[in-house]
Amino acid sequence: MTTKTDPPAGAEAPSKEPNSRRDFLMKAGLGAGVVALVGQAGASLRSLVPNVSYDAPTTVKLGAPIDFPDGMKFLPDERLFVFREGKTFHAISAVCTHLGCTVRAEALSKVEEASVEGKPLRLTHRFQCPCHGSKYSGDGTNQTGPAPKPLAWYHLSVAVDDGQLVVDLAQEVGHDFRLTVA
């Protein structure tokens, strides 16, 4: 147990100014330092969460199936060829697998029948890259030029809410994929 004792007689009591200038400046400095650290920490944590995502959506509604004529329709915004044969649809990327240029479709003078991965396919077009001359067959298979692999085929589906065709540009499918719309 401690007891408070008075200073000896004749001794000067220590100066105790509770609000001295030195104390005030020290507290103000410490407060400013704490505020700066908290602000910097908050800014650092906030930078981990971006304000905007610049990635394009991977699923895109293309329109009603009836809006697609038999044959091929090019969708420049999605860089996509959508083929329709009756009630059957498939989608082929228009992005060259060499350096990403947009390939052009050239109509064949005569429709060709081919078996692609065991399923019949009518080939009405072939594709050519204008940048470096890669050529692709009607199913997107690379034939000549620097293109290292075939054009991608993407998954198609029908939207439940409004019946539009939906392409998922992040989901590649095999060349035997066909969407049949009732």
N, C-alpha and C. Protein backbone atom coordinates (compact mmCIF):
# COMPACT_ATOMS: atom_id res chain seq x y z
N MET A 1 0.84 -1.15 0.00
CA MET A 1 0.00 0.00 0.00
C MET A 1 0.89 1.23 0.00
N THR A 2 0.61 2.13 -0.85
CA THR A 2 1.40 3.35 -0.95
C THR A 2 0.64 4.50 -0.35
N THR A 3 1.39 5.37 0.21
CA THR A 3 0.77 6.58 0.76
C THR A 3 1.44 7.77 0.14
N LYS A 4 0.68 8.77 -0.04
CA LYS A 4 1.19 10.00 -0.62
C LYS A 4 1.82 10.82 0.49
N THR A 5 3.08 11.20 0.25
CA THR A 5 3.80 11.99 1.26
C THR A 5 4.02 13.39 0.73
N ASP A 6 4.03 14.30 1.61
CA ASP A 6 4.30 15.69 1.24
C ASP A 6 5.79 15.87 1.04
N PRO A 7 6.19 16.77 0.19
CA PRO A 7 7.62 17.01 0.02
C PRO A 7 8.21 17.58 1.29
N PRO A 8 9.52 17.29 1.52
CA PRO A 8 10.15 17.80 2.73
C PRO A 8 10.11 19.32 2.76
N ALA A 9 10.14 19.83 3.98
CA ALA A 9 10.07 21.27 4.15
C ALA A 9 11.28 21.92 3.51
N GLY A 10 11.08 22.97 2.82
CA GLY A 10 12.16 23.69 2.15
C GLY A 10 12.38 23.21 0.73
N ALA A 11 11.92 21.99 0.41
CA ALA A 11 12.09 21.49 -0.98
C ALA A 11 10.99 22.05 -1.84
N GLU A 12 11.32 22.26 -3.04
CA GLU A 12 10.36 22.82 -3.98
C GLU A 12 9.52 21.70 -4.59
N ALA A 13 8.25 21.85 -4.60
CA ALA A 13 7.37 20.86 -5.20
C ALA A 13 7.57 20.87 -6.71
N PRO A 14 7.54 19.66 -7.33
CA PRO A 14 7.72 19.62 -8.79
C PRO A 14 6.58 20.39 -9.48
N SER A 15 6.98 21.06 -10.50
CA SER A 15 6.01 21.85 -11.27
C SER A 15 5.09 20.90 -12.03
N LYS A 16 3.84 21.08 -11.87
CA LYS A 16 2.87 20.21 -12.51
C LYS A 16 1.83 21.08 -13.19
N GLU A 17 2.13 21.40 -14.42
CA GLU A 17 1.16 22.17 -15.20
C GLU A 17 0.46 21.19 -16.15
N PRO A 18 -0.77 20.90 -15.90
CA PRO A 18 -1.45 19.88 -16.69
C PRO A 18 -1.60 20.27 -18.18
N ASN A 19 -1.65 21.46 -18.50
CA ASN A 19 -1.86 21.85 -19.89
C ASN A 19 -0.72 22.71 -20.39
N SER A 20 0.49 22.22 -20.19
CA SER A 20 1.63 22.99 -20.65
C SER A 20 1.68 22.97 -22.19
N ARG A 21 2.39 23.87 -22.75
CA ARG A 21 2.52 23.99 -24.20
C ARG A 21 3.18 22.74 -24.78
N ARG A 22 4.20 22.23 -24.08
CA ARG A 22 4.89 21.04 -24.55
C ARG A 22 3.95 19.84 -24.63
N ASP A 23 3.12 19.65 -23.59
CA ASP A 23 2.15 18.54 -23.61
C ASP A 23 1.15 18.69 -24.76
N PHE A 24 0.70 19.92 -24.94
CA PHE A 24 -0.27 20.16 -26.02
C PHE A 24 0.33 19.82 -27.38
N LEU A 25 1.55 20.28 -27.65
CA LEU A 25 2.18 20.00 -28.95
C LEU A 25 2.46 18.51 -29.13
N MET A 26 2.84 17.83 -28.04
CA MET A 26 3.09 16.39 -28.14
C MET A 26 1.79 15.64 -28.46
N LYS A 27 0.71 15.99 -27.79
CA LYS A 27 -0.57 15.33 -28.06
C LYS A 27 -1.07 15.64 -29.46
N ALA A 28 -0.88 16.88 -29.90
CA ALA A 28 -1.31 17.24 -31.26
C ALA A 28 -0.50 16.47 -32.31
N GLY A 29 0.80 16.33 -32.08
CA GLY A 29 1.64 15.57 -33.01
C GLY A 29 1.28 14.10 -33.07
N LEU A 30 1.05 13.51 -31.89
CA LEU A 30 0.64 12.10 -31.86
C LEU A 30 -0.72 11.91 -32.53
N GLY A 31 -1.64 12.83 -32.28
CA GLY A 31 -2.95 12.73 -32.93
C GLY A 31 -2.85 12.81 -34.44
N ALA A 32 -2.04 13.75 -34.93
CA ALA A 32 -1.87 13.88 -36.38
C ALA A 32 -1.22 12.64 -36.98
N GLY A 33 -0.27 12.06 -36.26
CA GLY A 33 0.37 10.83 -36.73
C GLY A 33 -0.61 9.67 -36.81
N VAL A 34 -1.46 9.54 -35.79
CA VAL A 34 -2.44 8.46 -35.78
C VAL A 34 -3.44 8.64 -36.93
N VAL A 35 -3.89 9.89 -37.13
CA VAL A 35 -4.84 10.16 -38.22
C VAL A 35 -4.19 9.84 -39.57
N ALA A 36 -2.94 10.20 -39.76
CA ALA A 36 -2.24 9.91 -41.02
C ALA A 36 -2.11 8.40 -41.24
N LEU A 37 -1.76 7.65 -40.20
CA LEU A 37 -1.62 6.20 -40.34
C LEU A 37 -2.96 5.53 -40.66
N VAL A 38 -4.01 5.95 -39.98
CA VAL A 38 -5.33 5.36 -40.23
C VAL A 38 -5.78 5.69 -41.65
N GLY A 39 -5.56 6.93 -42.08
CA GLY A 39 -5.94 7.31 -43.44
C GLY A 39 -5.17 6.53 -44.49
N GLN A 40 -3.88 6.35 -44.31
CA GLN A 40 -3.07 5.58 -45.25
C GLN A 40 -3.50 4.12 -45.28
N ALA A 41 -3.78 3.56 -44.11
CA ALA A 41 -4.23 2.17 -44.05
C ALA A 41 -5.57 2.00 -44.76
N GLY A 42 -6.47 2.95 -44.56
CA GLY A 42 -7.77 2.91 -45.24
C GLY A 42 -7.62 3.00 -46.74
N ALA A 43 -6.75 3.90 -47.20
CA ALA A 43 -6.53 4.03 -48.65
C ALA A 43 -5.90 2.78 -49.22
N SER A 44 -5.01 2.15 -48.49
CA SER A 44 -4.38 0.91 -48.96
C SER A 44 -5.41 -0.21 -49.08
N LEU A 45 -6.27 -0.33 -48.10
CA LEU A 45 -7.30 -1.37 -48.16
C LEU A 45 -8.31 -1.08 -49.26
N ARG A 46 -8.65 0.17 -49.45
CA ARG A 46 -9.62 0.54 -50.49
C ARG A 46 -9.07 0.24 -51.88
N SER A 47 -7.77 0.35 -52.07
CA SER A 47 -7.19 0.09 -53.38
C SER A 47 -7.31 -1.38 -53.78
N LEU A 48 -7.60 -2.24 -52.84
CA LEU A 48 -7.78 -3.66 -53.17
C LEU A 48 -9.12 -3.93 -53.84
N VAL A 49 -10.06 -3.03 -53.72
CA VAL A 49 -11.38 -3.19 -54.31
C VAL A 49 -11.55 -2.14 -55.40
N PRO A 50 -11.50 -2.53 -56.68
CA PRO A 50 -11.62 -1.52 -57.75
C PRO A 50 -13.04 -0.96 -57.83
N ASN A 51 -13.12 0.26 -58.29
CA ASN A 51 -14.42 0.91 -58.43
C ASN A 51 -15.20 0.33 -59.61
N VAL A 52 -14.51 0.03 -60.68
CA VAL A 52 -15.17 -0.40 -61.91
C VAL A 52 -14.46 -1.64 -62.43
N SER A 53 -15.22 -2.57 -62.93
CA SER A 53 -14.65 -3.72 -63.61
C SER A 53 -14.71 -3.46 -65.11
N TYR A 54 -13.57 -3.47 -65.77
CA TYR A 54 -13.53 -3.18 -67.20
C TYR A 54 -13.67 -4.43 -68.06
N ASP A 55 -13.85 -5.57 -67.43
CA ASP A 55 -14.03 -6.80 -68.20
C ASP A 55 -15.40 -6.79 -68.86
N ALA A 56 -15.42 -7.20 -70.10
CA ALA A 56 -16.70 -7.30 -70.80
C ALA A 56 -17.48 -8.47 -70.23
N PRO A 57 -18.80 -8.37 -70.25
CA PRO A 57 -19.58 -9.50 -69.75
C PRO A 57 -19.36 -10.71 -70.65
N THR A 58 -19.37 -11.88 -70.06
CA THR A 58 -19.11 -13.08 -70.86
C THR A 58 -20.38 -13.66 -71.45
N THR A 59 -21.53 -13.38 -70.85
CA THR A 59 -22.78 -13.85 -71.43
C THR A 59 -23.50 -12.65 -72.04
N VAL A 60 -23.88 -12.81 -73.29
CA VAL A 60 -24.49 -11.71 -74.03
C VAL A 60 -25.75 -12.24 -74.71
N LYS A 61 -26.84 -11.49 -74.57
CA LYS A 61 -28.06 -11.82 -75.28
C LYS A 61 -27.92 -11.33 -76.72
N LEU A 62 -28.22 -12.21 -77.66
CA LEU A 62 -28.01 -11.90 -79.07
C LEU A 62 -29.28 -11.49 -79.78
N GLY A 63 -30.42 -11.83 -79.25
CA GLY A 63 -31.69 -11.52 -79.90
C GLY A 63 -32.54 -12.78 -80.01
N ALA A 64 -33.75 -12.59 -80.50
CA ALA A 64 -34.67 -13.71 -80.63
C ALA A 64 -34.20 -14.64 -81.74
N PRO A 65 -34.38 -15.94 -81.58
CA PRO A 65 -33.95 -16.88 -82.63
C PRO A 65 -34.55 -16.58 -83.99
N ILE A 66 -35.77 -16.04 -84.01
CA ILE A 66 -36.41 -15.73 -85.29
C ILE A 66 -35.69 -14.60 -86.04
N ASP A 67 -34.90 -13.81 -85.31
CA ASP A 67 -34.16 -12.71 -85.94
C ASP A 67 -32.94 -13.19 -86.73
N PHE A 68 -32.62 -14.47 -86.60
CA PHE A 68 -31.45 -15.01 -87.29
C PHE A 68 -31.93 -15.76 -88.53
N PRO A 69 -31.52 -15.31 -89.70
CA PRO A 69 -31.93 -16.02 -90.92
C PRO A 69 -31.17 -17.33 -91.06
N ASP A 70 -31.70 -18.23 -91.87
CA ASP A 70 -30.94 -19.44 -92.18
C ASP A 70 -29.63 -19.02 -92.82
N GLY A 71 -28.57 -19.67 -92.42
CA GLY A 71 -27.25 -19.32 -92.93
C GLY A 71 -26.44 -18.66 -91.83
N MET A 72 -25.67 -17.63 -92.20
CA MET A 72 -24.75 -17.00 -91.25
C MET A 72 -25.13 -15.56 -90.98
N LYS A 73 -24.96 -15.14 -89.74
CA LYS A 73 -25.14 -13.74 -89.36
C LYS A 73 -23.92 -13.33 -88.55
N PHE A 74 -23.29 -12.20 -88.93
CA PHE A 74 -22.12 -11.71 -88.23
C PHE A 74 -22.55 -10.66 -87.21
N LEU A 75 -22.08 -10.79 -85.99
CA LEU A 75 -22.36 -9.82 -84.93
C LEU A 75 -21.05 -9.11 -84.59
N PRO A 76 -20.85 -7.89 -85.13
CA PRO A 76 -19.55 -7.22 -84.98
C PRO A 76 -19.21 -6.86 -83.54
N ASP A 77 -20.20 -6.52 -82.73
CA ASP A 77 -19.89 -6.15 -81.34
C ASP A 77 -19.30 -7.31 -80.55
N GLU A 78 -19.79 -8.50 -80.83
CA GLU A 78 -19.29 -9.69 -80.12
C GLU A 78 -18.20 -10.39 -80.92
N ARG A 79 -17.95 -9.93 -82.14
CA ARG A 79 -17.00 -10.59 -83.07
C ARG A 79 -17.33 -12.08 -83.11
N LEU A 80 -18.54 -12.33 -83.63
CA LEU A 80 -19.09 -13.68 -83.56
C LEU A 80 -19.90 -13.96 -84.83
N PHE A 81 -19.77 -15.18 -85.33
CA PHE A 81 -20.62 -15.65 -86.42
C PHE A 81 -21.63 -16.61 -85.81
N VAL A 82 -22.92 -16.37 -86.07
CA VAL A 82 -23.96 -17.28 -85.61
C VAL A 82 -24.56 -17.94 -86.85
N PHE A 83 -24.56 -19.25 -86.84
CA PHE A 83 -25.10 -20.01 -87.96
C PHE A 83 -26.42 -20.63 -87.55
N ARG A 84 -27.37 -20.58 -88.49
CA ARG A 84 -28.67 -21.20 -88.24
C ARG A 84 -28.97 -22.12 -89.40
N GLU A 85 -29.42 -23.29 -89.04
CA GLU A 85 -29.90 -24.24 -90.05
C GLU A 85 -31.19 -24.81 -89.51
N GLY A 86 -32.30 -24.23 -89.92
CA GLY A 86 -33.61 -24.63 -89.40
C GLY A 86 -33.73 -24.19 -87.95
N LYS A 87 -33.87 -25.16 -87.06
CA LYS A 87 -33.98 -24.84 -85.64
C LYS A 87 -32.67 -25.05 -84.89
N THR A 88 -31.59 -25.28 -85.62
CA THR A 88 -30.30 -25.58 -85.02
C THR A 88 -29.36 -24.40 -85.17
N PHE A 89 -28.68 -24.06 -84.09
CA PHE A 89 -27.77 -22.92 -84.07
C PHE A 89 -26.40 -23.36 -83.55
N HIS A 90 -25.36 -22.67 -84.05
CA HIS A 90 -24.04 -22.75 -83.43
C HIS A 90 -23.32 -21.43 -83.68
N ALA A 91 -22.34 -21.14 -82.82
CA ALA A 91 -21.64 -19.85 -82.87
C ALA A 91 -20.14 -20.09 -82.96
N ILE A 92 -19.50 -19.36 -83.89
CA ILE A 92 -18.06 -19.47 -84.09
C ILE A 92 -17.44 -18.09 -83.89
N SER A 93 -16.34 -18.04 -83.18
CA SER A 93 -15.64 -16.79 -82.93
C SER A 93 -15.08 -16.22 -84.22
N ALA A 94 -15.06 -14.90 -84.31
CA ALA A 94 -14.46 -14.22 -85.47
C ALA A 94 -13.09 -13.66 -85.12
N VAL A 95 -12.51 -14.14 -84.03
CA VAL A 95 -11.20 -13.65 -83.59
C VAL A 95 -10.13 -14.64 -84.04
N CYS A 96 -9.24 -14.16 -84.89
CA CYS A 96 -8.16 -15.02 -85.39
C CYS A 96 -7.31 -15.50 -84.21
N THR A 97 -6.94 -16.76 -84.27
CA THR A 97 -6.16 -17.33 -83.17
C THR A 97 -4.69 -16.99 -83.26
N HIS A 98 -4.30 -16.25 -84.30
CA HIS A 98 -2.90 -15.85 -84.42
C HIS A 98 -2.63 -14.62 -83.56
N LEU A 99 -3.19 -13.46 -83.96
CA LEU A 99 -2.95 -12.23 -83.21
C LEU A 99 -4.24 -11.48 -82.87
N GLY A 100 -5.37 -12.09 -83.07
CA GLY A 100 -6.62 -11.51 -82.62
C GLY A 100 -7.33 -10.59 -83.60
N CYS A 101 -6.95 -10.56 -84.85
CA CYS A 101 -7.68 -9.76 -85.84
C CYS A 101 -9.06 -10.39 -86.07
N THR A 102 -9.96 -9.61 -86.60
CA THR A 102 -11.29 -10.12 -86.91
C THR A 102 -11.25 -10.76 -88.29
N VAL A 103 -11.62 -12.03 -88.36
CA VAL A 103 -11.60 -12.74 -89.63
C VAL A 103 -12.82 -12.37 -90.46
N ARG A 104 -12.69 -12.51 -91.77
CA ARG A 104 -13.79 -12.24 -92.68
C ARG A 104 -14.37 -13.56 -93.16
N ALA A 105 -15.67 -13.56 -93.37
CA ALA A 105 -16.33 -14.75 -93.92
C ALA A 105 -16.45 -14.58 -95.42
N GLU A 106 -16.15 -15.63 -96.13
CA GLU A 106 -16.30 -15.64 -97.58
C GLU A 106 -17.29 -16.74 -97.93
N ALA A 107 -18.32 -16.39 -98.66
CA ALA A 107 -19.32 -17.38 -99.04
C ALA A 107 -18.73 -18.37 -100.04
N LEU A 108 -19.02 -19.63 -99.84
CA LEU A 108 -18.56 -20.65 -100.77
C LEU A 108 -19.46 -20.62 -102.01
N SER A 109 -18.90 -20.91 -103.14
CA SER A 109 -19.71 -20.92 -104.37
C SER A 109 -20.72 -22.06 -104.35
N LYS A 110 -20.42 -23.10 -103.60
CA LYS A 110 -21.33 -24.25 -103.51
C LYS A 110 -21.31 -24.75 -102.07
N VAL A 111 -22.49 -25.03 -101.55
CA VAL A 111 -22.58 -25.53 -100.17
C VAL A 111 -21.91 -26.90 -100.08
N GLU A 112 -21.10 -27.06 -99.07
CA GLU A 112 -20.41 -28.33 -98.86
C GLU A 112 -20.99 -29.02 -97.63
N GLU A 113 -21.05 -30.32 -97.70
CA GLU A 113 -21.48 -31.11 -96.54
C GLU A 113 -20.23 -31.71 -95.90
N ALA A 114 -20.17 -31.62 -94.61
CA ALA A 114 -19.03 -32.18 -93.90
C ALA A 114 -19.51 -32.84 -92.62
N SER A 115 -18.71 -33.74 -92.14
CA SER A 115 -18.99 -34.36 -90.84
C SER A 115 -17.97 -33.79 -89.86
N VAL A 116 -18.46 -33.04 -88.90
CA VAL A 116 -17.58 -32.41 -87.91
C VAL A 116 -17.80 -33.11 -86.58
N GLU A 117 -16.78 -33.81 -86.15
CA GLU A 117 -16.81 -34.58 -84.92
C GLU A 117 -18.04 -35.49 -84.87
N GLY A 118 -18.33 -36.12 -86.00
CA GLY A 118 -19.40 -37.10 -86.05
C GLY A 118 -20.78 -36.55 -86.35
N LYS A 119 -20.92 -35.25 -86.44
CA LYS A 119 -22.23 -34.66 -86.72
C LYS A 119 -22.17 -33.95 -88.07
N PRO A 120 -23.24 -34.08 -88.85
CA PRO A 120 -23.23 -33.42 -90.17
C PRO A 120 -23.30 -31.89 -90.02
N LEU A 121 -22.62 -31.22 -90.93
CA LEU A 121 -22.60 -29.75 -90.91
C LEU A 121 -22.55 -29.25 -92.33
N ARG A 122 -23.43 -28.30 -92.64
CA ARG A 122 -23.42 -27.67 -93.96
C ARG A 122 -22.47 -26.50 -93.88
N LEU A 123 -21.49 -26.51 -94.74
CA LEU A 123 -20.50 -25.42 -94.76
C LEU A 123 -20.88 -24.46 -95.87
N THR A 124 -21.22 -23.24 -95.48
CA THR A 124 -21.62 -22.23 -96.46
C THR A 124 -20.55 -21.16 -96.63
N HIS A 125 -19.63 -21.10 -95.69
CA HIS A 125 -18.61 -20.06 -95.72
C HIS A 125 -17.26 -20.65 -95.33
N ARG A 126 -16.24 -19.90 -95.58
CA ARG A 126 -14.92 -20.17 -95.03
C ARG A 126 -14.43 -18.83 -94.49
N PHE A 127 -13.37 -18.86 -93.72
CA PHE A 127 -12.91 -17.64 -93.05
C PHE A 127 -11.47 -17.35 -93.42
N GLN A 128 -11.17 -16.05 -93.50
CA GLN A 128 -9.81 -15.63 -93.81
C GLN A 128 -9.47 -14.43 -92.94
N CYS A 129 -8.27 -14.46 -92.41
CA CYS A 129 -7.79 -13.34 -91.60
C CYS A 129 -7.11 -12.32 -92.52
N PRO A 130 -7.56 -11.07 -92.52
CA PRO A 130 -6.95 -10.08 -93.41
C PRO A 130 -5.58 -9.60 -92.94
N CYS A 131 -5.22 -9.87 -91.73
CA CYS A 131 -3.94 -9.35 -91.20
C CYS A 131 -2.74 -10.15 -91.70
N HIS A 132 -2.78 -11.47 -91.55
CA HIS A 132 -1.62 -12.27 -91.90
C HIS A 132 -1.98 -13.46 -92.78
N GLY A 133 -3.20 -13.51 -93.28
CA GLY A 133 -3.57 -14.49 -94.29
C GLY A 133 -3.93 -15.87 -93.81
N SER A 134 -4.19 -16.05 -92.53
CA SER A 134 -4.62 -17.37 -92.07
C SER A 134 -5.97 -17.69 -92.70
N LYS A 135 -6.13 -18.95 -93.06
CA LYS A 135 -7.40 -19.39 -93.64
C LYS A 135 -7.97 -20.51 -92.79
N TYR A 136 -9.30 -20.44 -92.63
CA TYR A 136 -10.03 -21.41 -91.83
C TYR A 136 -11.13 -22.02 -92.69
N SER A 137 -11.45 -23.28 -92.46
CA SER A 137 -12.57 -23.89 -93.17
C SER A 137 -13.88 -23.40 -92.55
N GLY A 138 -14.99 -23.86 -93.07
CA GLY A 138 -16.30 -23.41 -92.61
C GLY A 138 -16.62 -23.80 -91.18
N ASP A 139 -15.95 -24.80 -90.65
CA ASP A 139 -16.17 -25.16 -89.24
C ASP A 139 -15.15 -24.51 -88.32
N GLY A 140 -14.30 -23.65 -88.88
CA GLY A 140 -13.32 -22.92 -88.07
C GLY A 140 -11.98 -23.59 -87.94
N THR A 141 -11.79 -24.71 -88.61
CA THR A 141 -10.51 -25.40 -88.53
C THR A 141 -9.45 -24.61 -89.30
N ASN A 142 -8.31 -24.39 -88.67
CA ASN A 142 -7.24 -23.65 -89.35
C ASN A 142 -6.63 -24.54 -90.43
N GLN A 143 -6.46 -23.94 -91.63
CA GLN A 143 -5.94 -24.71 -92.76
C GLN A 143 -4.57 -24.24 -93.20
N THR A 144 -4.42 -22.92 -93.36
CA THR A 144 -3.12 -22.38 -93.78
C THR A 144 -2.84 -21.10 -93.00
N GLY A 145 -1.60 -20.68 -93.05
CA GLY A 145 -1.23 -19.42 -92.41
C GLY A 145 -0.70 -19.65 -91.01
N PRO A 146 -0.42 -18.55 -90.32
CA PRO A 146 0.22 -18.67 -89.01
C PRO A 146 -0.73 -19.01 -87.85
N ALA A 147 -2.02 -19.10 -88.09
CA ALA A 147 -2.96 -19.40 -86.99
C ALA A 147 -2.61 -20.75 -86.36
N PRO A 148 -2.40 -20.77 -85.04
CA PRO A 148 -1.96 -22.01 -84.39
C PRO A 148 -3.07 -22.99 -84.05
N LYS A 149 -4.31 -22.51 -84.02
CA LYS A 149 -5.40 -23.42 -83.64
C LYS A 149 -6.70 -22.96 -84.29
N PRO A 150 -7.73 -23.81 -84.25
CA PRO A 150 -9.00 -23.47 -84.89
C PRO A 150 -9.72 -22.31 -84.18
N LEU A 151 -10.69 -21.72 -84.89
CA LEU A 151 -11.54 -20.70 -84.28
C LEU A 151 -12.38 -21.36 -83.19
N ALA A 152 -12.64 -20.60 -82.15
CA ALA A 152 -13.41 -21.13 -81.01
C ALA A 152 -14.89 -21.20 -81.33
N TRP A 153 -15.52 -22.22 -80.82
CA TRP A 153 -16.98 -22.33 -80.85
C TRP A 153 -17.45 -22.01 -79.44
N TYR A 154 -18.54 -21.26 -79.35
CA TYR A 154 -19.04 -20.87 -78.03
C TYR A 154 -20.39 -21.50 -77.72
N HIS A 155 -20.64 -21.64 -76.44
CA HIS A 155 -21.89 -22.23 -75.96
C HIS A 155 -23.05 -21.27 -76.18
N LEU A 156 -24.11 -21.77 -76.77
CA LEU A 156 -25.34 -21.00 -76.95
C LEU A 156 -26.42 -21.60 -76.06
N SER A 157 -27.32 -20.75 -75.61
CA SER A 157 -28.48 -21.22 -74.85
C SER A 157 -29.62 -20.25 -75.12
N VAL A 158 -30.77 -20.58 -74.56
CA VAL A 158 -31.94 -19.72 -74.70
C VAL A 158 -32.26 -19.14 -73.32
N ALA A 159 -32.43 -17.82 -73.26
CA ALA A 159 -32.74 -17.17 -71.98
C ALA A 159 -34.12 -17.58 -71.52
N VAL A 160 -34.22 -17.86 -70.24
CA VAL A 160 -35.48 -18.32 -69.67
C VAL A 160 -36.51 -17.19 -69.64
N ASP A 161 -36.04 -15.96 -69.38
CA ASP A 161 -36.99 -14.86 -69.19
C ASP A 161 -37.61 -14.34 -70.48
N ASP A 162 -36.85 -14.27 -71.58
CA ASP A 162 -37.42 -13.69 -72.79
C ASP A 162 -37.17 -14.51 -74.05
N GLY A 163 -36.55 -15.66 -73.95
CA GLY A 163 -36.38 -16.55 -75.09
C GLY A 163 -35.31 -16.13 -76.09
N GLN A 164 -34.45 -15.18 -75.73
CA GLN A 164 -33.40 -14.76 -76.65
C GLN A 164 -32.24 -15.76 -76.62
N LEU A 165 -31.51 -15.77 -77.73
CA LEU A 165 -30.29 -16.56 -77.76
C LEU A 165 -29.26 -15.90 -76.87
N VAL A 166 -28.53 -16.70 -76.12
CA VAL A 166 -27.50 -16.19 -75.23
C VAL A 166 -26.20 -16.92 -75.55
N VAL A 167 -25.14 -16.16 -75.74
CA VAL A 167 -23.83 -16.76 -75.97
C VAL A 167 -22.98 -16.53 -74.73
N ASP A 168 -22.24 -17.56 -74.35
CA ASP A 168 -21.28 -17.44 -73.25
C ASP A 168 -19.89 -17.43 -73.86
N LEU A 169 -19.29 -16.24 -73.94
CA LEU A 169 -18.00 -16.08 -74.59
C LEU A 169 -16.84 -16.63 -73.75
N ALA A 170 -17.13 -17.09 -72.56
CA ALA A 170 -16.10 -17.68 -71.72
C ALA A 170 -16.14 -19.20 -71.77
N GLN A 171 -17.15 -19.75 -72.44
CA GLN A 171 -17.31 -21.20 -72.45
C GLN A 171 -17.16 -21.73 -73.88
N GLU A 172 -15.99 -22.22 -74.18
CA GLU A 172 -15.78 -22.84 -75.49
C GLU A 172 -16.35 -24.24 -75.47
N VAL A 173 -16.86 -24.64 -76.62
CA VAL A 173 -17.44 -25.97 -76.75
C VAL A 173 -16.80 -26.66 -77.94
N GLY A 174 -17.02 -27.95 -78.06
CA GLY A 174 -16.50 -28.71 -79.18
C GLY A 174 -17.25 -28.38 -80.46
N HIS A 175 -16.67 -28.77 -81.58
CA HIS A 175 -17.29 -28.47 -82.87
C HIS A 175 -18.52 -29.32 -83.14
N ASP A 176 -18.86 -30.19 -82.24
CA ASP A 176 -20.09 -30.97 -82.40
C ASP A 176 -21.26 -30.34 -81.65
N PHE A 177 -21.05 -29.19 -81.03
CA PHE A 177 -22.12 -28.54 -80.26
C PHE A 177 -23.14 -27.92 -81.21
N ARG A 178 -24.40 -28.18 -80.96
CA ARG A 178 -25.50 -27.55 -81.69
C ARG A 178 -26.60 -27.24 -80.67
N LEU A 179 -27.20 -26.08 -80.79
CA LEU A 179 -28.36 -25.73 -79.96
C LEU A 179 -29.59 -25.89 -80.83
N THR A 180 -30.52 -26.68 -80.38
CA THR A 180 -31.78 -26.85 -81.10
C THR A 180 -32.86 -26.12 -80.33
N VAL A 181 -33.51 -25.18 -81.01
CA VAL A 181 -34.57 -24.38 -80.40
C VAL A 181 -35.91 -24.94 -80.85
N ALA A 182 -36.78 -25.19 -79.89
CA ALA A 182 -38.11 -25.75 -80.22
C ALA A 182 -39.02 -24.73 -80.83
